[in-house]
């Protein structure tokens, strides 16, 4: 864990991209991996395309905080257009991690957001989602990127959770497409 025995992750996305699902699913995976976790969205205008935030806390011990995350260890950006309209790195510490859904290099993203310190990673999650799932919903590849970069949850845990949670709602093709998206994101996430 980054912050003592707790890691705090703030998700930035747009309505319909799955940021809320990603925040809660990563927390669910952590619980299944014998950790304590919270995953919740910050509700605002509930419409497709509106900027939204999600939050995930994962700890080895009980979590007593129940508030939005102002000083995240990790920031995950599902829609790079938010880099120009929201201060996504607000509160991110010197050792923080920024993971962006982009076809740009981590170095280009660092310059774009004027980030000093920390680490920057990118993965073209939308492209992966379109090619594996058939829809531009980048949350599954971004969850895999978080797993790869931080190790806070395992790839296997994400895959098992996707099979369990999606298997009840969707057909085999969608579930296996999401599993393929996880595998690709693990391979294609790049850092500085």
N, C-alpha and C. Protein backbone atom coordinates (compact mmCIF):
# COMPACT_ATOMS: atom_id res chain seq x y z
N UNK A 1 0.84 -1.18 0.00
CA UNK A 1 0.00 0.00 0.00
C UNK A 1 0.89 1.25 0.00
N UNK A 2 0.36 2.32 -0.52
CA UNK A 2 1.15 3.53 -0.67
C UNK A 2 1.06 4.42 0.57
N UNK A 3 -0.14 4.74 1.00
CA UNK A 3 -0.39 5.70 2.07
C UNK A 3 -0.47 4.96 3.41
N UNK A 4 0.70 4.60 3.99
CA UNK A 4 0.68 3.76 5.18
C UNK A 4 0.19 2.39 4.79
N UNK A 5 -0.94 1.97 5.35
CA UNK A 5 -1.49 0.68 4.97
C UNK A 5 -2.74 0.85 4.11
N UNK A 6 -2.92 2.04 3.54
CA UNK A 6 -4.11 2.28 2.71
C UNK A 6 -3.70 2.94 1.39
N UNK A 7 -4.35 2.50 0.31
CA UNK A 7 -4.18 3.14 -0.99
C UNK A 7 -5.49 3.80 -1.36
N UNK A 8 -5.40 5.06 -1.81
CA UNK A 8 -6.58 5.80 -2.22
C UNK A 8 -6.48 6.11 -3.71
N UNK A 9 -7.53 5.74 -4.43
CA UNK A 9 -7.58 5.90 -5.89
C UNK A 9 -8.76 6.80 -6.24
N UNK A 10 -8.49 7.82 -7.05
CA UNK A 10 -9.57 8.68 -7.55
C UNK A 10 -9.70 8.46 -9.05
N UNK A 11 -10.93 8.18 -9.47
CA UNK A 11 -11.24 7.90 -10.88
C UNK A 11 -11.92 9.11 -11.49
N UNK A 12 -11.47 9.53 -12.68
CA UNK A 12 -12.10 10.62 -13.42
C UNK A 12 -12.59 10.05 -14.75
N UNK A 13 -13.85 10.27 -15.04
CA UNK A 13 -14.41 9.80 -16.30
C UNK A 13 -15.61 10.62 -16.67
N UNK A 14 -16.33 10.13 -17.64
CA UNK A 14 -17.58 10.76 -18.07
C UNK A 14 -18.68 9.72 -17.91
N UNK A 15 -19.89 10.20 -17.66
CA UNK A 15 -21.02 9.30 -17.51
C UNK A 15 -21.11 8.35 -18.69
N UNK A 16 -21.22 7.07 -18.41
CA UNK A 16 -21.32 6.06 -19.47
C UNK A 16 -20.01 5.35 -19.77
N UNK A 17 -18.89 5.81 -19.18
CA UNK A 17 -17.60 5.16 -19.44
C UNK A 17 -17.26 4.09 -18.41
N UNK A 18 -18.05 3.99 -17.36
CA UNK A 18 -17.84 2.94 -16.38
C UNK A 18 -16.92 3.30 -15.22
N UNK A 19 -16.72 4.58 -14.93
CA UNK A 19 -15.86 4.97 -13.80
C UNK A 19 -16.45 4.49 -12.48
N UNK A 20 -17.76 4.63 -12.32
CA UNK A 20 -18.41 4.18 -11.09
C UNK A 20 -18.24 2.66 -10.94
N UNK A 21 -18.48 1.93 -12.01
CA UNK A 21 -18.33 0.48 -11.98
C UNK A 21 -16.90 0.09 -11.66
N UNK A 22 -15.93 0.77 -12.28
CA UNK A 22 -14.53 0.45 -12.03
C UNK A 22 -14.16 0.69 -10.56
N UNK A 23 -14.58 1.82 -10.01
CA UNK A 23 -14.26 2.15 -8.61
C UNK A 23 -14.81 1.09 -7.66
N UNK A 24 -16.05 0.68 -7.90
CA UNK A 24 -16.67 -0.30 -7.00
C UNK A 24 -16.17 -1.72 -7.27
N UNK A 25 -15.89 -2.05 -8.51
CA UNK A 25 -15.42 -3.40 -8.83
C UNK A 25 -14.02 -3.64 -8.30
N UNK A 26 -13.14 -2.65 -8.39
CA UNK A 26 -11.79 -2.82 -7.84
C UNK A 26 -11.88 -3.01 -6.33
N UNK A 27 -12.77 -2.28 -5.67
CA UNK A 27 -12.97 -2.46 -4.23
C UNK A 27 -13.49 -3.87 -3.94
N UNK A 28 -14.41 -4.34 -4.75
CA UNK A 28 -14.95 -5.69 -4.57
C UNK A 28 -13.87 -6.75 -4.73
N UNK A 29 -13.00 -6.58 -5.71
CA UNK A 29 -11.89 -7.52 -5.91
C UNK A 29 -10.99 -7.52 -4.67
N UNK A 30 -10.71 -6.33 -4.15
CA UNK A 30 -9.86 -6.23 -2.96
C UNK A 30 -10.46 -6.99 -1.77
N UNK A 31 -11.77 -6.85 -1.59
CA UNK A 31 -12.45 -7.56 -0.50
C UNK A 31 -12.32 -9.07 -0.68
N UNK A 32 -12.48 -9.53 -1.92
CA UNK A 32 -12.33 -10.96 -2.21
C UNK A 32 -10.90 -11.43 -2.00
N UNK A 33 -9.96 -10.49 -2.02
CA UNK A 33 -8.56 -10.82 -1.79
C UNK A 33 -8.15 -10.52 -0.34
N UNK A 34 -9.16 -10.54 0.55
CA UNK A 34 -8.95 -10.40 1.99
C UNK A 34 -8.40 -9.06 2.44
N UNK A 35 -8.81 -8.00 1.76
CA UNK A 35 -8.46 -6.65 2.17
C UNK A 35 -9.75 -5.92 2.55
N UNK A 36 -9.60 -4.79 3.17
CA UNK A 36 -10.73 -3.91 3.45
C UNK A 36 -10.80 -2.91 2.31
N UNK A 37 -12.01 -2.55 1.88
CA UNK A 37 -12.12 -1.64 0.74
C UNK A 37 -13.44 -0.89 0.72
N UNK A 38 -13.40 0.25 0.07
CA UNK A 38 -14.59 1.06 -0.24
C UNK A 38 -14.51 1.43 -1.71
N UNK A 39 -15.63 1.46 -2.37
CA UNK A 39 -15.70 1.95 -3.74
C UNK A 39 -17.01 2.67 -3.90
N UNK A 40 -16.95 3.96 -4.31
CA UNK A 40 -18.18 4.74 -4.41
C UNK A 40 -18.01 5.88 -5.40
N UNK A 41 -19.11 6.33 -6.00
CA UNK A 41 -19.04 7.46 -6.93
C UNK A 41 -19.35 8.77 -6.22
N UNK A 42 -18.99 9.85 -6.88
CA UNK A 42 -19.42 11.17 -6.45
C UNK A 42 -20.50 11.58 -7.44
N UNK A 43 -21.71 11.66 -6.95
CA UNK A 43 -22.82 11.95 -7.85
C UNK A 43 -22.92 13.42 -8.13
N UNK A 44 -23.20 13.71 -9.36
CA UNK A 44 -23.44 15.06 -9.82
C UNK A 44 -24.52 14.94 -10.88
N UNK A 45 -24.38 15.70 -11.95
CA UNK A 45 -25.36 15.57 -13.03
C UNK A 45 -25.28 14.16 -13.62
N UNK A 46 -26.37 13.45 -13.54
CA UNK A 46 -26.39 12.05 -13.98
C UNK A 46 -26.81 11.95 -15.44
N UNK A 47 -25.89 12.28 -16.31
CA UNK A 47 -26.21 12.14 -17.73
C UNK A 47 -24.97 11.66 -18.46
N UNK A 48 -25.22 10.99 -19.56
CA UNK A 48 -24.11 10.47 -20.36
C UNK A 48 -23.20 11.62 -20.79
N UNK A 49 -21.93 11.45 -20.62
CA UNK A 49 -20.97 12.45 -21.04
C UNK A 49 -20.58 13.46 -19.98
N UNK A 50 -21.32 13.56 -18.89
CA UNK A 50 -21.00 14.52 -17.83
C UNK A 50 -19.77 14.02 -17.05
N UNK A 51 -18.87 14.92 -16.69
CA UNK A 51 -17.72 14.50 -15.88
C UNK A 51 -18.18 13.93 -14.54
N UNK A 52 -17.58 12.82 -14.15
CA UNK A 52 -17.89 12.22 -12.86
C UNK A 52 -16.59 11.76 -12.20
N UNK A 53 -16.69 11.50 -10.90
CA UNK A 53 -15.56 10.96 -10.14
C UNK A 53 -16.02 9.71 -9.41
N UNK A 54 -15.09 8.81 -9.25
CA UNK A 54 -15.30 7.64 -8.42
C UNK A 54 -14.12 7.52 -7.48
N UNK A 55 -14.32 6.80 -6.40
CA UNK A 55 -13.28 6.67 -5.38
C UNK A 55 -13.14 5.22 -4.93
N UNK A 56 -11.90 4.81 -4.68
CA UNK A 56 -11.63 3.49 -4.14
C UNK A 56 -10.58 3.63 -3.05
N UNK A 57 -10.88 3.04 -1.91
CA UNK A 57 -9.90 2.93 -0.82
C UNK A 57 -9.68 1.45 -0.57
N UNK A 58 -8.41 1.07 -0.43
CA UNK A 58 -8.06 -0.32 -0.15
C UNK A 58 -7.02 -0.32 0.97
N UNK A 59 -7.27 -1.17 1.96
CA UNK A 59 -6.40 -1.18 3.13
C UNK A 59 -6.24 -2.59 3.67
N UNK A 60 -5.16 -2.79 4.41
CA UNK A 60 -4.96 -4.05 5.11
C UNK A 60 -5.75 -4.07 6.42
N UNK A 61 -6.17 -2.90 6.88
CA UNK A 61 -6.94 -2.79 8.12
C UNK A 61 -8.26 -2.08 7.85
N UNK A 62 -9.05 -1.95 8.89
CA UNK A 62 -10.36 -1.30 8.74
C UNK A 62 -10.20 0.14 8.27
N UNK A 63 -11.17 0.58 7.49
CA UNK A 63 -11.18 1.94 6.95
C UNK A 63 -12.24 2.74 7.70
N UNK A 64 -11.81 3.84 8.30
CA UNK A 64 -12.74 4.65 9.09
C UNK A 64 -13.11 5.95 8.38
N UNK A 65 -12.51 6.23 7.23
CA UNK A 65 -12.84 7.43 6.47
C UNK A 65 -14.01 7.13 5.55
N UNK A 66 -14.89 8.10 5.42
CA UNK A 66 -16.05 7.95 4.53
C UNK A 66 -16.29 9.27 3.82
N UNK A 67 -15.29 9.73 3.10
CA UNK A 67 -15.38 11.01 2.42
C UNK A 67 -14.71 10.89 1.06
N UNK A 68 -14.96 11.85 0.18
CA UNK A 68 -14.25 11.85 -1.10
C UNK A 68 -12.74 11.89 -0.86
N UNK A 69 -11.98 11.49 -1.85
CA UNK A 69 -10.52 11.43 -1.74
C UNK A 69 -9.94 12.71 -2.33
N UNK A 70 -9.33 13.51 -1.45
CA UNK A 70 -8.72 14.77 -1.87
C UNK A 70 -7.23 14.64 -2.17
N UNK A 71 -6.57 13.66 -1.55
CA UNK A 71 -5.13 13.47 -1.73
C UNK A 71 -4.87 12.02 -2.15
N UNK A 72 -5.20 11.70 -3.41
CA UNK A 72 -5.07 10.31 -3.86
C UNK A 72 -3.62 9.88 -4.02
N UNK A 73 -3.43 8.58 -3.90
CA UNK A 73 -2.15 7.97 -4.23
C UNK A 73 -2.08 7.70 -5.73
N UNK A 74 -3.26 7.41 -6.29
CA UNK A 74 -3.38 7.08 -7.71
C UNK A 74 -4.57 7.85 -8.29
N UNK A 75 -4.36 8.43 -9.47
CA UNK A 75 -5.44 9.06 -10.22
C UNK A 75 -5.57 8.31 -11.54
N UNK A 76 -6.80 7.91 -11.86
CA UNK A 76 -7.08 7.19 -13.09
C UNK A 76 -8.01 8.05 -13.93
N UNK A 77 -7.62 8.33 -15.17
CA UNK A 77 -8.40 9.18 -16.06
C UNK A 77 -8.89 8.34 -17.23
N UNK A 78 -10.21 8.13 -17.29
CA UNK A 78 -10.81 7.30 -18.34
C UNK A 78 -11.04 8.07 -19.63
N UNK A 79 -11.03 9.39 -19.57
CA UNK A 79 -11.28 10.21 -20.75
C UNK A 79 -10.28 11.36 -20.76
N UNK A 80 -9.32 11.29 -21.69
CA UNK A 80 -8.25 12.29 -21.68
C UNK A 80 -8.73 13.70 -21.99
N UNK A 81 -9.94 13.89 -22.51
CA UNK A 81 -10.43 15.26 -22.71
C UNK A 81 -10.62 15.97 -21.37
N UNK A 82 -10.72 15.20 -20.30
CA UNK A 82 -10.84 15.80 -18.97
C UNK A 82 -9.55 16.49 -18.53
N UNK A 83 -8.43 16.16 -19.16
CA UNK A 83 -7.16 16.79 -18.80
C UNK A 83 -7.21 18.29 -19.04
N UNK A 84 -8.01 18.73 -20.00
CA UNK A 84 -8.10 20.16 -20.30
C UNK A 84 -9.18 20.88 -19.49
N UNK A 85 -10.13 20.16 -18.93
CA UNK A 85 -11.24 20.85 -18.25
C UNK A 85 -11.31 20.60 -16.75
N UNK A 86 -10.52 19.67 -16.24
CA UNK A 86 -10.53 19.38 -14.81
C UNK A 86 -9.09 19.24 -14.33
N UNK A 87 -8.83 19.68 -13.14
CA UNK A 87 -7.50 19.55 -12.57
C UNK A 87 -7.39 18.15 -11.96
N UNK A 88 -7.20 17.16 -12.82
CA UNK A 88 -7.23 15.76 -12.38
C UNK A 88 -6.10 15.43 -11.42
N UNK A 89 -5.00 16.17 -11.48
CA UNK A 89 -3.87 15.88 -10.60
C UNK A 89 -3.95 16.63 -9.27
N UNK A 90 -5.02 17.36 -9.03
CA UNK A 90 -5.18 18.09 -7.77
C UNK A 90 -5.04 17.14 -6.59
N UNK A 91 -4.14 17.47 -5.68
CA UNK A 91 -3.95 16.67 -4.47
C UNK A 91 -3.04 15.47 -4.64
N UNK A 92 -2.60 15.19 -5.86
CA UNK A 92 -1.72 14.04 -6.10
C UNK A 92 -0.34 14.36 -5.56
N UNK A 93 0.18 13.52 -4.69
CA UNK A 93 1.47 13.77 -4.03
C UNK A 93 2.67 13.54 -4.93
N UNK A 94 3.84 13.87 -4.39
CA UNK A 94 5.11 13.70 -5.10
C UNK A 94 5.36 12.27 -5.55
N UNK A 95 4.84 11.30 -4.79
CA UNK A 95 5.02 9.89 -5.13
C UNK A 95 3.79 9.32 -5.81
N UNK A 96 2.88 10.18 -6.22
CA UNK A 96 1.62 9.74 -6.80
C UNK A 96 1.78 9.10 -8.17
N UNK A 97 0.72 8.44 -8.58
CA UNK A 97 0.68 7.75 -9.87
C UNK A 97 -0.51 8.28 -10.67
N UNK A 98 -0.27 8.64 -11.92
CA UNK A 98 -1.30 9.08 -12.85
C UNK A 98 -1.39 8.06 -13.98
N UNK A 99 -2.58 7.50 -14.18
CA UNK A 99 -2.81 6.53 -15.26
C UNK A 99 -3.88 7.10 -16.17
N UNK A 100 -3.55 7.30 -17.45
CA UNK A 100 -4.46 7.97 -18.38
C UNK A 100 -4.77 7.07 -19.57
N UNK A 101 -6.04 7.03 -19.93
CA UNK A 101 -6.50 6.37 -21.15
C UNK A 101 -6.13 7.27 -22.31
N UNK A 102 -5.05 6.92 -23.01
CA UNK A 102 -4.58 7.77 -24.09
C UNK A 102 -3.65 6.98 -25.00
N UNK A 103 -3.60 7.40 -26.27
CA UNK A 103 -2.62 6.81 -27.17
C UNK A 103 -1.31 7.60 -27.12
N UNK A 104 -1.28 8.67 -26.33
CA UNK A 104 -0.05 9.44 -26.15
C UNK A 104 0.89 8.71 -25.19
N UNK A 105 2.16 9.09 -25.26
CA UNK A 105 3.16 8.50 -24.36
C UNK A 105 3.01 9.10 -22.96
N UNK A 106 3.51 8.41 -21.96
CA UNK A 106 3.50 8.99 -20.61
C UNK A 106 4.22 10.35 -20.56
N UNK A 107 5.31 10.49 -21.31
CA UNK A 107 6.04 11.76 -21.32
C UNK A 107 5.18 12.89 -21.88
N UNK A 108 4.42 12.60 -22.94
CA UNK A 108 3.53 13.62 -23.51
C UNK A 108 2.44 14.02 -22.53
N UNK A 109 1.89 13.04 -21.82
CA UNK A 109 0.84 13.34 -20.83
C UNK A 109 1.43 14.17 -19.68
N UNK A 110 2.62 13.82 -19.22
CA UNK A 110 3.27 14.59 -18.15
C UNK A 110 3.38 16.07 -18.54
N UNK A 111 3.85 16.33 -19.76
CA UNK A 111 3.97 17.71 -20.24
C UNK A 111 2.60 18.37 -20.34
N UNK A 112 1.64 17.64 -20.82
CA UNK A 112 0.29 18.17 -21.03
C UNK A 112 -0.36 18.63 -19.72
N UNK A 113 -0.15 17.87 -18.64
CA UNK A 113 -0.77 18.24 -17.35
C UNK A 113 0.21 18.99 -16.45
N UNK A 114 1.44 19.20 -16.94
CA UNK A 114 2.47 19.92 -16.18
C UNK A 114 2.71 19.28 -14.82
N UNK A 115 2.84 17.97 -14.82
CA UNK A 115 3.05 17.22 -13.58
C UNK A 115 4.53 17.11 -13.27
N UNK A 116 4.89 17.52 -12.05
CA UNK A 116 6.26 17.33 -11.57
C UNK A 116 6.22 16.22 -10.54
N UNK A 117 7.18 15.33 -10.60
CA UNK A 117 7.22 14.22 -9.66
C UNK A 117 6.22 13.15 -10.03
N UNK A 118 6.20 12.11 -9.21
CA UNK A 118 5.28 11.01 -9.44
C UNK A 118 5.63 10.20 -10.68
N UNK A 119 4.71 9.34 -11.04
CA UNK A 119 4.89 8.47 -12.20
C UNK A 119 3.66 8.58 -13.08
N UNK A 120 3.87 8.50 -14.38
CA UNK A 120 2.78 8.60 -15.35
C UNK A 120 2.77 7.34 -16.21
N UNK A 121 1.56 6.80 -16.41
CA UNK A 121 1.35 5.62 -17.24
C UNK A 121 0.22 5.91 -18.21
N UNK A 122 0.29 5.30 -19.38
CA UNK A 122 -0.81 5.42 -20.34
C UNK A 122 -1.13 4.05 -20.92
N UNK A 123 -2.38 3.94 -21.36
CA UNK A 123 -2.85 2.76 -22.08
C UNK A 123 -4.01 3.23 -22.95
N UNK A 124 -4.06 2.78 -24.19
CA UNK A 124 -5.16 3.17 -25.08
C UNK A 124 -6.35 2.26 -24.80
N UNK A 125 -6.99 2.51 -23.66
CA UNK A 125 -8.08 1.66 -23.17
C UNK A 125 -9.31 1.68 -24.07
N UNK A 126 -9.59 2.83 -24.68
CA UNK A 126 -10.76 2.89 -25.55
C UNK A 126 -10.55 2.00 -26.78
N UNK A 127 -9.37 2.08 -27.38
CA UNK A 127 -9.06 1.22 -28.53
C UNK A 127 -9.16 -0.25 -28.14
N UNK A 128 -8.60 -0.60 -26.99
CA UNK A 128 -8.65 -1.98 -26.52
C UNK A 128 -10.10 -2.42 -26.34
N UNK A 129 -10.91 -1.57 -25.72
CA UNK A 129 -12.32 -1.91 -25.47
C UNK A 129 -13.08 -2.11 -26.78
N UNK A 130 -12.87 -1.23 -27.73
CA UNK A 130 -13.57 -1.36 -29.02
C UNK A 130 -13.16 -2.66 -29.70
N UNK A 131 -11.87 -2.99 -29.65
CA UNK A 131 -11.39 -4.18 -30.35
C UNK A 131 -11.71 -5.49 -29.64
N UNK A 132 -11.92 -5.46 -28.33
CA UNK A 132 -12.18 -6.70 -27.60
C UNK A 132 -13.64 -6.87 -27.17
N UNK A 133 -14.27 -5.76 -26.82
CA UNK A 133 -15.65 -5.81 -26.31
C UNK A 133 -16.66 -5.33 -27.36
N UNK A 134 -16.16 -4.51 -28.29
CA UNK A 134 -17.03 -3.98 -29.33
C UNK A 134 -17.71 -2.68 -28.95
N UNK A 135 -17.32 -2.11 -27.82
CA UNK A 135 -17.91 -0.84 -27.35
C UNK A 135 -16.81 0.03 -26.74
N UNK A 136 -16.93 1.36 -26.87
CA UNK A 136 -15.88 2.25 -26.34
C UNK A 136 -16.04 2.54 -24.84
N UNK A 137 -16.07 1.48 -24.04
CA UNK A 137 -16.20 1.63 -22.59
C UNK A 137 -14.86 1.19 -21.98
N UNK A 138 -14.04 2.17 -21.55
CA UNK A 138 -12.65 1.87 -21.17
C UNK A 138 -12.42 1.38 -19.74
N UNK A 139 -13.47 1.16 -18.97
CA UNK A 139 -13.24 0.86 -17.55
C UNK A 139 -12.49 -0.45 -17.30
N UNK A 140 -12.81 -1.51 -18.02
CA UNK A 140 -12.14 -2.79 -17.78
C UNK A 140 -10.64 -2.70 -18.06
N UNK A 141 -10.22 -2.17 -19.21
CA UNK A 141 -8.77 -2.03 -19.41
C UNK A 141 -8.11 -1.12 -18.37
N UNK A 142 -8.82 -0.10 -17.90
CA UNK A 142 -8.23 0.80 -16.91
C UNK A 142 -8.08 0.10 -15.55
N UNK A 143 -9.02 -0.78 -15.21
CA UNK A 143 -8.87 -1.56 -13.97
C UNK A 143 -7.62 -2.43 -14.07
N UNK A 144 -7.40 -3.03 -15.24
CA UNK A 144 -6.22 -3.86 -15.44
C UNK A 144 -4.94 -3.02 -15.32
N UNK A 145 -4.97 -1.80 -15.84
CA UNK A 145 -3.80 -0.92 -15.73
C UNK A 145 -3.51 -0.60 -14.27
N UNK A 146 -4.55 -0.34 -13.48
CA UNK A 146 -4.36 -0.09 -12.05
C UNK A 146 -3.72 -1.30 -11.38
N UNK A 147 -4.21 -2.47 -11.71
CA UNK A 147 -3.65 -3.70 -11.14
C UNK A 147 -2.18 -3.87 -11.52
N UNK A 148 -1.87 -3.67 -12.79
CA UNK A 148 -0.49 -3.84 -13.25
C UNK A 148 0.45 -2.84 -12.59
N UNK A 149 0.02 -1.58 -12.54
CA UNK A 149 0.89 -0.51 -12.04
C UNK A 149 1.07 -0.56 -10.53
N UNK A 150 -0.01 -0.85 -9.79
CA UNK A 150 0.04 -0.76 -8.33
C UNK A 150 0.15 -2.10 -7.63
N UNK A 151 -0.36 -3.16 -8.23
CA UNK A 151 -0.40 -4.46 -7.58
C UNK A 151 -1.39 -4.52 -6.42
N UNK A 152 -2.24 -3.52 -6.29
CA UNK A 152 -3.18 -3.46 -5.15
C UNK A 152 -4.23 -4.55 -5.22
N UNK A 153 -4.58 -4.98 -6.43
CA UNK A 153 -5.43 -6.15 -6.65
C UNK A 153 -4.76 -6.96 -7.76
N UNK A 154 -5.13 -8.22 -7.87
CA UNK A 154 -4.49 -9.07 -8.87
C UNK A 154 -5.28 -9.11 -10.18
N UNK A 155 -4.57 -9.41 -11.23
CA UNK A 155 -5.21 -9.61 -12.53
C UNK A 155 -6.21 -10.76 -12.44
N UNK A 156 -5.80 -11.84 -11.79
CA UNK A 156 -6.69 -12.99 -11.63
C UNK A 156 -7.96 -12.59 -10.88
N UNK A 157 -7.82 -11.77 -9.85
CA UNK A 157 -8.98 -11.31 -9.10
C UNK A 157 -9.93 -10.50 -9.96
N UNK A 158 -9.40 -9.65 -10.82
CA UNK A 158 -10.24 -8.86 -11.73
C UNK A 158 -10.97 -9.80 -12.69
N UNK A 159 -10.25 -10.74 -13.26
CA UNK A 159 -10.86 -11.67 -14.21
C UNK A 159 -11.98 -12.49 -13.56
N UNK A 160 -11.73 -12.99 -12.35
CA UNK A 160 -12.75 -13.77 -11.64
C UNK A 160 -13.97 -12.92 -11.33
N UNK A 161 -13.74 -11.69 -10.92
CA UNK A 161 -14.84 -10.79 -10.59
C UNK A 161 -15.66 -10.46 -11.84
N UNK A 162 -14.99 -10.24 -12.96
CA UNK A 162 -15.71 -9.96 -14.20
C UNK A 162 -16.58 -11.16 -14.60
N UNK A 163 -16.04 -12.35 -14.48
CA UNK A 163 -16.83 -13.54 -14.83
C UNK A 163 -18.05 -13.65 -13.92
N UNK A 164 -17.85 -13.39 -12.63
CA UNK A 164 -18.95 -13.49 -11.66
C UNK A 164 -19.99 -12.40 -11.87
N UNK A 165 -19.54 -11.15 -11.97
CA UNK A 165 -20.48 -10.03 -12.04
C UNK A 165 -21.15 -9.90 -13.42
N UNK A 166 -20.37 -10.08 -14.48
CA UNK A 166 -20.92 -9.91 -15.83
C UNK A 166 -21.62 -11.16 -16.33
N UNK A 167 -21.21 -12.31 -15.84
CA UNK A 167 -21.79 -13.56 -16.30
C UNK A 167 -23.29 -13.64 -16.08
N UNK A 168 -23.78 -12.97 -15.06
CA UNK A 168 -25.22 -12.98 -14.76
C UNK A 168 -26.01 -12.04 -15.68
N UNK A 169 -25.33 -11.02 -16.22
CA UNK A 169 -26.04 -10.00 -17.00
C UNK A 169 -25.84 -10.13 -18.51
N UNK A 170 -24.65 -10.62 -18.90
CA UNK A 170 -24.29 -10.61 -20.31
C UNK A 170 -23.91 -12.01 -20.78
N UNK A 171 -23.83 -12.16 -22.07
CA UNK A 171 -23.44 -13.44 -22.65
C UNK A 171 -21.95 -13.69 -22.56
N UNK A 172 -21.57 -14.88 -22.95
CA UNK A 172 -20.18 -15.31 -22.90
C UNK A 172 -19.27 -14.40 -23.72
N UNK A 173 -19.73 -13.94 -24.87
CA UNK A 173 -18.90 -13.09 -25.73
C UNK A 173 -18.49 -11.81 -25.02
N UNK A 174 -19.41 -11.17 -24.30
CA UNK A 174 -19.10 -9.93 -23.58
C UNK A 174 -18.12 -10.22 -22.44
N UNK A 175 -18.37 -11.29 -21.69
CA UNK A 175 -17.49 -11.65 -20.58
C UNK A 175 -16.08 -11.93 -21.10
N UNK A 176 -15.97 -12.75 -22.12
CA UNK A 176 -14.65 -13.10 -22.65
C UNK A 176 -13.98 -11.89 -23.32
N UNK A 177 -14.78 -11.00 -23.90
CA UNK A 177 -14.23 -9.76 -24.44
C UNK A 177 -13.60 -8.91 -23.35
N UNK A 178 -14.25 -8.84 -22.20
CA UNK A 178 -13.70 -8.09 -21.07
C UNK A 178 -12.42 -8.75 -20.54
N UNK A 179 -12.40 -10.07 -20.50
CA UNK A 179 -11.20 -10.79 -20.06
C UNK A 179 -10.04 -10.51 -21.03
N UNK A 180 -10.35 -10.50 -22.33
CA UNK A 180 -9.34 -10.18 -23.33
C UNK A 180 -8.84 -8.74 -23.17
N UNK A 181 -9.75 -7.83 -22.81
CA UNK A 181 -9.38 -6.43 -22.59
C UNK A 181 -8.40 -6.32 -21.42
N UNK A 182 -8.63 -7.10 -20.37
CA UNK A 182 -7.72 -7.10 -19.22
C UNK A 182 -6.33 -7.56 -19.66
N UNK A 183 -6.28 -8.65 -20.42
CA UNK A 183 -4.99 -9.19 -20.87
C UNK A 183 -4.24 -8.18 -21.73
N UNK A 184 -4.95 -7.55 -22.66
CA UNK A 184 -4.30 -6.56 -23.53
C UNK A 184 -3.80 -5.37 -22.74
N UNK A 185 -4.61 -4.87 -21.80
CA UNK A 185 -4.19 -3.71 -21.01
C UNK A 185 -2.95 -4.02 -20.18
N UNK A 186 -2.87 -5.25 -19.67
CA UNK A 186 -1.66 -5.65 -18.94
C UNK A 186 -0.44 -5.56 -19.83
N UNK A 187 -0.58 -5.96 -21.08
CA UNK A 187 0.54 -5.94 -22.01
C UNK A 187 0.85 -4.54 -22.51
N UNK A 188 -0.17 -3.71 -22.69
CA UNK A 188 0.01 -2.44 -23.39
C UNK A 188 0.14 -1.22 -22.48
N UNK A 189 -0.03 -1.36 -21.18
CA UNK A 189 0.17 -0.23 -20.26
C UNK A 189 1.65 0.09 -20.22
N UNK A 190 1.94 1.37 -20.43
CA UNK A 190 3.37 1.75 -20.46
C UNK A 190 3.63 2.93 -19.51
N UNK A 191 4.80 2.92 -18.94
CA UNK A 191 5.21 3.99 -18.04
C UNK A 191 6.49 4.64 -18.50
N UNK A 192 6.86 5.70 -17.84
CA UNK A 192 8.08 6.43 -18.20
C UNK A 192 9.31 5.62 -17.86
